Amino acid sequence: MTETPWAPLLVAALATLGLRAVGIALAWRLPASHPAIAWAAAVSEAALSAWVVLALVSPGSWPVAARLAGAGMGLAVFFLAGRRLLAGMAAGLAAVWAVGAWLG
């Protein structure tokens, strides 16, 4: 694993978005409400969630308070922004950096 806690989250986010893009390219004839599209989105979000949980509970160089603040901020922005995954991830990452820098 890497020394920086945000790298796995970034990789997971990019993989999630990549899977969605491939799914859209392959299923261009299916409506957005098709069960196969919903399943693909659920699987990609579950994979990202696993990475987020790993980043929260695994020991790292960031204080626990910074990781928890990032999780809280990320969830809040995710829901306030209309369930936008990228907005939640960016806000959570910014909160981890800010609280981590503040705590030293």
C-alpha atoms as a PDB file:
ATOM      1  CA  MET A   1       0.000   0.000   0.000  1.00  0.00           C
ATOM      2  CA  THR A   2       1.157   3.558  -0.476  1.00  0.00           C
ATOM      3  CA  GLU A   3       2.288   6.107   2.068  1.00  0.00           C
ATOM      4  CA  THR A   4      -0.370   8.656   1.158  1.00  0.00           C
ATOM      5  CA  PRO A   5      -3.927   7.831   2.267  1.00  0.00           C
ATOM      6  CA  TRP A   6      -5.607   9.737  -0.562  1.00  0.00           C
ATOM      7  CA  ALA A   7      -3.982   7.794  -3.398  1.00  0.00           C
ATOM      8  CA  PRO A   8      -6.143   4.644  -2.981  1.00  0.00           C
ATOM      9  CA  LEU A   9      -9.257   6.813  -2.778  1.00  0.00           C
ATOM     10  CA  LEU A  10      -8.337   8.601  -5.976  1.00  0.00           C
ATOM     11  CA  VAL A  11      -7.649   5.297  -7.733  1.00  0.00           C
ATOM     12  CA  ALA A  12     -10.982   3.905  -6.534  1.00  0.00           C
ATOM     13  CA  ALA A  13     -12.851   7.015  -7.652  1.00  0.00           C
ATOM     14  CA  LEU A  14     -11.232   6.876 -11.088  1.00  0.00           C
ATOM     15  CA  ALA A  15     -11.976   3.151 -11.358  1.00  0.00           C
ATOM     16  CA  THR A  16     -15.598   3.804 -10.423  1.00  0.00           C
ATOM     17  CA  LEU A  17     -15.959   6.517 -13.022  1.00  0.00           C
ATOM     18  CA  GLY A  18     -14.161   4.321 -15.562  1.00  0.00           C
ATOM     19  CA  LEU A  19     -16.518   1.421 -14.934  1.00  0.00           C
ATOM     20  CA  ARG A  20     -19.467   3.731 -15.381  1.00  0.00           C
ATOM     21  CA  ALA A  21     -18.068   5.064 -18.651  1.00  0.00           C
ATOM     22  CA  VAL A  22     -17.496   1.543 -19.990  1.00  0.00           C
ATOM     23  CA  GLY A  23     -20.992   0.552 -18.901  1.00  0.00           C
ATOM     24  CA  ILE A  24     -22.501   3.494 -20.713  1.00  0.00           C
ATOM     25  CA  ALA A  25     -20.478   2.778 -23.845  1.00  0.00           C
ATOM     26  CA  LEU A  26     -21.522  -0.887 -23.875  1.00  0.00           C
ATOM     27  CA  ALA A  27     -25.147  -0.297 -22.962  1.00  0.00           C
ATOM     28  CA  TRP A  28     -25.936   2.671 -25.167  1.00  0.00           C
ATOM     29  CA  ARG A  29     -29.205   1.072 -26.261  1.00  0.00           C
ATOM     30  CA  LEU A  30     -30.471   0.536 -22.724  1.00  0.00           C
ATOM     31  CA  PRO A  31     -32.471   3.219 -20.952  1.00  0.00           C
ATOM     32  CA  ALA A  32     -30.869   4.769 -17.859  1.00  0.00           C
ATOM     33  CA  SER A  33     -33.490   3.067 -15.690  1.00  0.00           C
ATOM     34  CA  HIS A  34     -32.574  -0.442 -16.903  1.00  0.00           C
ATOM     35  CA  PRO A  35     -31.693  -2.887 -14.082  1.00  0.00           C
ATOM     36  CA  ALA A  36     -28.297  -3.680 -15.631  1.00  0.00           C
ATOM     37  CA  ILE A  37     -27.301  -0.011 -15.421  1.00  0.00           C
ATOM     38  CA  ALA A  38     -28.490   0.214 -11.819  1.00  0.00           C
ATOM     39  CA  TRP A  39     -26.544  -2.949 -10.951  1.00  0.00           C
ATOM     40  CA  ALA A  40     -23.330  -1.625 -12.509  1.00  0.00           C
ATOM     41  CA  ALA A  41     -23.651   1.645 -10.596  1.00  0.00           C
ATOM     42  CA  ALA A  42     -24.269  -0.232  -7.341  1.00  0.00           C
ATOM     43  CA  VAL A  43     -21.225  -2.466  -7.839  1.00  0.00           C
ATOM     44  CA  SER A  44     -18.947   0.465  -8.606  1.00  0.00           C
ATOM     45  CA  GLU A  45     -20.184   2.408  -5.572  1.00  0.00           C
ATOM     46  CA  ALA A  46     -19.714  -0.669  -3.377  1.00  0.00           C
ATOM     47  CA  ALA A  47     -16.106  -0.972  -4.544  1.00  0.00           C
ATOM     48  CA  LEU A  48     -15.483   2.679  -3.743  1.00  0.00           C
ATOM     49  CA  SER A  49     -17.141   2.250  -0.344  1.00  0.00           C
ATOM     50  CA  ALA A  50     -14.791  -0.609   0.466  1.00  0.00           C
ATOM     51  CA  TRP A  51     -11.799   1.629  -0.255  1.00  0.00           C
ATOM     52  CA  VAL A  52     -13.248   4.422   1.879  1.00  0.00           C
ATOM     53  CA  VAL A  53     -13.785   2.075   4.831  1.00  0.00           C
ATOM     54  CA  LEU A  54     -10.258   0.737   4.441  1.00  0.00           C
ATOM     55  CA  ALA A  55      -8.881   4.284   4.473  1.00  0.00           C
ATOM     56  CA  LEU A  56     -10.879   5.126   7.602  1.00  0.00           C
ATOM     57  CA  VAL A  57      -9.956   2.120   9.709  1.00  0.00           C
ATOM     58  CA  SER A  58      -6.433   1.311   8.590  1.00  0.00           C
ATOM     59  CA  PRO A  59      -3.594   2.930  10.474  1.00  0.00           C
ATOM     60  CA  GLY A  60      -1.966   5.730   8.592  1.00  0.00           C
ATOM     61  CA  SER A  61      -0.081   8.953   8.951  1.00  0.00           C
ATOM     62  CA  TRP A  62      -3.276  11.031   9.182  1.00  0.00           C
ATOM     63  CA  PRO A  63      -4.909  11.486  12.603  1.00  0.00           C
ATOM     64  CA  VAL A  64      -8.166   9.639  13.218  1.00  0.00           C
ATOM     65  CA  ALA A  65      -9.920  12.986  13.735  1.00  0.00           C
ATOM     66  CA  ALA A  66      -8.902  14.090  10.235  1.00  0.00           C
ATOM     67  CA  ARG A  67     -10.156  10.854   8.689  1.00  0.00           C
ATOM     68  CA  LEU A  68     -13.475  11.070  10.541  1.00  0.00           C
ATOM     69  CA  ALA A  69     -13.882  14.746   9.598  1.00  0.00           C
ATOM     70  CA  GLY A  70     -13.278  13.819   5.973  1.00  0.00           C
ATOM     71  CA  ALA A  71     -15.852  11.051   6.115  1.00  0.00           C
ATOM     72  CA  GLY A  72     -18.437  13.336   7.698  1.00  0.00           C
ATOM     73  CA  MET A  73     -17.814  16.177   5.280  1.00  0.00           C
ATOM     74  CA  GLY A  74     -17.818  13.834   2.309  1.00  0.00           C
ATOM     75  CA  LEU A  75     -21.150  12.301   3.296  1.00  0.00           C
ATOM     76  CA  ALA A  76     -22.720  15.687   3.978  1.00  0.00           C
ATOM     77  CA  VAL A  77     -21.635  17.142   0.635  1.00  0.00           C
ATOM     78  CA  PHE A  78     -22.610  13.943  -1.193  1.00  0.00           C
ATOM     79  CA  PHE A  79     -26.205  14.246   0.002  1.00  0.00           C
ATOM     80  CA  LEU A  80     -26.424  18.052  -0.138  1.00  0.00           C
ATOM     81  CA  ALA A  81     -25.134  18.063  -3.724  1.00  0.00           C
ATOM     82  CA  GLY A  82     -27.852  15.682  -4.884  1.00  0.00           C
ATOM     83  CA  ARG A  83     -25.931  12.411  -4.403  1.00  0.00           C
ATOM     84  CA  ARG A  84     -22.963  13.544  -6.515  1.00  0.00           C
ATOM     85  CA  LEU A  85     -20.103  11.171  -5.809  1.00  0.00           C
ATOM     86  CA  LEU A  86     -17.272  13.338  -7.112  1.00  0.00           C
ATOM     87  CA  ALA A  87     -18.394  16.339  -5.046  1.00  0.00           C
ATOM     88  CA  GLY A  88     -18.516  14.221  -1.891  1.00  0.00           C
ATOM     89  CA  MET A  89     -15.100  12.687  -2.546  1.00  0.00           C
ATOM     90  CA  ALA A  90     -13.506  16.077  -3.224  1.00  0.00           C
ATOM     91  CA  ALA A  91     -15.020  17.658  -0.115  1.00  0.00           C
ATOM     92  CA  GLY A  92     -14.013  14.710   2.051  1.00  0.00           C
ATOM     93  CA  LEU A  93     -10.459  14.796   0.768  1.00  0.00           C
ATOM     94  CA  ALA A  94     -10.247  18.553   1.326  1.00  0.00           C
ATOM     95  CA  ALA A  95     -11.514  18.107   4.891  1.00  0.00           C
ATOM     96  CA  VAL A  96      -8.915  15.408   5.618  1.00  0.00           C
ATOM     97  CA  TRP A  97      -6.143  17.670   4.357  1.00  0.00           C
ATOM     98  CA  ALA A  98      -7.439  20.732   6.245  1.00  0.00           C
ATOM     99  CA  VAL A  99      -7.962  18.986   9.585  1.00  0.00           C
ATOM    100  CA  GLY A 100      -4.718  17.048   9.215  1.00  0.00           C
ATOM    101  CA  ALA A 101      -2.789  20.270   8.585  1.00  0.00           C
ATOM    102  CA  TRP A 102      -4.539  22.015  11.466  1.00  0.00           C
ATOM    103  CA  LEU A 103      -3.759  19.198  13.902  1.00  0.00           C
ATOM    104  CA  GLY A 104      -0.199  19.012  12.659  1.00  0.00           C
END
